[in-house]
Amino acid sequence: MESNKPVETPLSYDWLKDNVTSCEVVELTIYRWLVGSPMYLVNTQPEISFAVNQLSKETIKSTKLYWKVAKHVLRYLRGTT
């Protein structure tokens, strides 16, 4: 993720309409770790609270769409430091 370019918004407005194979499930342990890390930053960076909330709803059965959105949030955080 270090070589990726930062983005300007934590979550795009049409993220649910993304063309990603949404039926494909990702590994839950890695997804939970990926979503759990930004949860600590919600107190200091409230602009990511909606995105982290949407991601945390899918910790039981996450798909490729939510994986892509979680990586988008990380790219946003990279641009804020």
C-alpha atoms as a PDB file:
ATOM      1  CA  MET A   1       0.000   0.000   0.000  1.00  0.00           C
ATOM      2  CA  GLU A   2       2.971   2.336   0.342  1.00  0.00           C
ATOM      3  CA  SER A   3       3.332   2.747  -3.415  1.00  0.00           C
ATOM      4  CA  ASN A   4      -0.341   3.674  -3.964  1.00  0.00           C
ATOM      5  CA  LYS A   5      -1.351   7.275  -4.587  1.00  0.00           C
ATOM      6  CA  PRO A   6      -3.389   8.990  -1.854  1.00  0.00           C
ATOM      7  CA  VAL A   7      -7.025   9.932  -2.493  1.00  0.00           C
ATOM      8  CA  GLU A   8      -8.875  13.058  -1.383  1.00  0.00           C
ATOM      9  CA  THR A   9     -12.084  11.543   0.020  1.00  0.00           C
ATOM     10  CA  PRO A  10     -12.446   8.740   2.578  1.00  0.00           C
ATOM     11  CA  LEU A  11     -15.402   7.216   0.714  1.00  0.00           C
ATOM     12  CA  SER A  12     -16.813   7.956  -2.723  1.00  0.00           C
ATOM     13  CA  TYR A  13     -20.511   8.776  -2.946  1.00  0.00           C
ATOM     14  CA  ASP A  14     -21.313   5.924  -5.336  1.00  0.00           C
ATOM     15  CA  TRP A  15     -19.254   3.194  -3.705  1.00  0.00           C
ATOM     16  CA  LEU A  16     -22.143   0.686  -3.617  1.00  0.00           C
ATOM     17  CA  LYS A  17     -22.527   0.900  -7.404  1.00  0.00           C
ATOM     18  CA  ASP A  18     -18.954  -0.225  -7.938  1.00  0.00           C
ATOM     19  CA  ASN A  19     -18.370  -2.927 -10.528  1.00  0.00           C
ATOM     20  CA  VAL A  20     -16.626  -5.477  -8.338  1.00  0.00           C
ATOM     21  CA  THR A  21     -17.634  -9.107  -8.097  1.00  0.00           C
ATOM     22  CA  SER A  22     -19.548  -8.668  -4.861  1.00  0.00           C
ATOM     23  CA  CYS A  23     -20.265 -12.368  -4.397  1.00  0.00           C
ATOM     24  CA  GLU A  24     -16.617 -13.256  -3.850  1.00  0.00           C
ATOM     25  CA  VAL A  25     -15.810 -13.492  -0.128  1.00  0.00           C
ATOM     26  CA  VAL A  26     -12.438 -12.382   1.258  1.00  0.00           C
ATOM     27  CA  GLU A  27     -10.559 -13.845   4.224  1.00  0.00           C
ATOM     28  CA  LEU A  28     -12.244 -12.596   7.383  1.00  0.00           C
ATOM     29  CA  THR A  29      -9.200 -12.464   9.656  1.00  0.00           C
ATOM     30  CA  ILE A  30      -7.329 -10.075   7.398  1.00  0.00           C
ATOM     31  CA  TYR A  31     -10.458  -8.009   6.725  1.00  0.00           C
ATOM     32  CA  ARG A  32     -11.179  -7.614  10.446  1.00  0.00           C
ATOM     33  CA  TRP A  33      -7.610  -6.531  11.038  1.00  0.00           C
ATOM     34  CA  LEU A  34      -7.846  -4.052   8.174  1.00  0.00           C
ATOM     35  CA  VAL A  35     -11.094  -2.551   9.495  1.00  0.00           C
ATOM     36  CA  GLY A  36     -10.048  -2.627  13.142  1.00  0.00           C
ATOM     37  CA  SER A  37      -6.979  -0.483  12.583  1.00  0.00           C
ATOM     38  CA  PRO A  38      -8.817   2.701  11.442  1.00  0.00           C
ATOM     39  CA  MET A  39     -11.337   2.342  14.297  1.00  0.00           C
ATOM     40  CA  TYR A  40      -8.773   3.845  16.654  1.00  0.00           C
ATOM     41  CA  LEU A  41      -8.391   6.858  14.382  1.00  0.00           C
ATOM     42  CA  VAL A  42     -12.101   7.742  14.378  1.00  0.00           C
ATOM     43  CA  ASN A  43     -11.644   9.796  17.561  1.00  0.00           C
ATOM     44  CA  THR A  44      -8.929  11.978  16.059  1.00  0.00           C
ATOM     45  CA  GLN A  45     -10.152  12.021  12.453  1.00  0.00           C
ATOM     46  CA  PRO A  46     -13.967  12.140  12.469  1.00  0.00           C
ATOM     47  CA  GLU A  47     -14.192  12.447   8.676  1.00  0.00           C
ATOM     48  CA  ILE A  48     -13.537   8.708   8.366  1.00  0.00           C
ATOM     49  CA  SER A  49     -16.209   7.658  10.873  1.00  0.00           C
ATOM     50  CA  PHE A  50     -18.914   6.998   8.248  1.00  0.00           C
ATOM     51  CA  ALA A  51     -16.586   4.925   6.089  1.00  0.00           C
ATOM     52  CA  VAL A  52     -15.327   2.873   9.033  1.00  0.00           C
ATOM     53  CA  ASN A  53     -18.902   2.371  10.224  1.00  0.00           C
ATOM     54  CA  GLN A  54     -19.949   1.025   6.812  1.00  0.00           C
ATOM     55  CA  LEU A  55     -16.946  -1.303   6.751  1.00  0.00           C
ATOM     56  CA  SER A  56     -17.509  -2.622  10.267  1.00  0.00           C
ATOM     57  CA  LYS A  57     -21.025  -3.757   9.366  1.00  0.00           C
ATOM     58  CA  GLU A  58     -19.561  -6.423   7.097  1.00  0.00           C
ATOM     59  CA  THR A  59     -17.204  -8.197   9.506  1.00  0.00           C
ATOM     60  CA  ILE A  60     -19.242 -11.415   9.420  1.00  0.00           C
ATOM     61  CA  LYS A  61     -19.135 -11.995   5.656  1.00  0.00           C
ATOM     62  CA  SER A  62     -17.146  -9.422   3.752  1.00  0.00           C
ATOM     63  CA  THR A  63     -16.833  -9.293  -0.018  1.00  0.00           C
ATOM     64  CA  LYS A  64     -14.391  -7.899  -2.546  1.00  0.00           C
ATOM     65  CA  LEU A  65     -16.372  -4.641  -2.688  1.00  0.00           C
ATOM     66  CA  TYR A  66     -15.800  -3.932   1.001  1.00  0.00           C
ATOM     67  CA  TRP A  67     -12.158  -4.958   0.678  1.00  0.00           C
ATOM     68  CA  LYS A  68     -11.737  -2.368  -2.072  1.00  0.00           C
ATOM     69  CA  VAL A  69     -13.448   0.308   0.040  1.00  0.00           C
ATOM     70  CA  ALA A  70     -11.231  -0.510   3.036  1.00  0.00           C
ATOM     71  CA  LYS A  71      -8.150  -0.041   0.886  1.00  0.00           C
ATOM     72  CA  HIS A  72      -9.596   3.280  -0.317  1.00  0.00           C
ATOM     73  CA  VAL A  73      -9.865   4.465   3.303  1.00  0.00           C
ATOM     74  CA  LEU A  74      -6.229   3.497   3.887  1.00  0.00           C
ATOM     75  CA  ARG A  75      -5.198   5.456   0.805  1.00  0.00           C
ATOM     76  CA  TYR A  76      -7.088   8.464   2.189  1.00  0.00           C
ATOM     77  CA  LEU A  77      -5.313   8.139   5.539  1.00  0.00           C
ATOM     78  CA  ARG A  78      -1.979   7.976   3.764  1.00  0.00           C
ATOM     79  CA  GLY A  79      -2.706  11.353   2.179  1.00  0.00           C
ATOM     80  CA  THR A  80      -3.586  13.003   5.502  1.00  0.00           C
ATOM     81  CA  THR A  81      -0.256  12.312   7.212  1.00  0.00           C
END
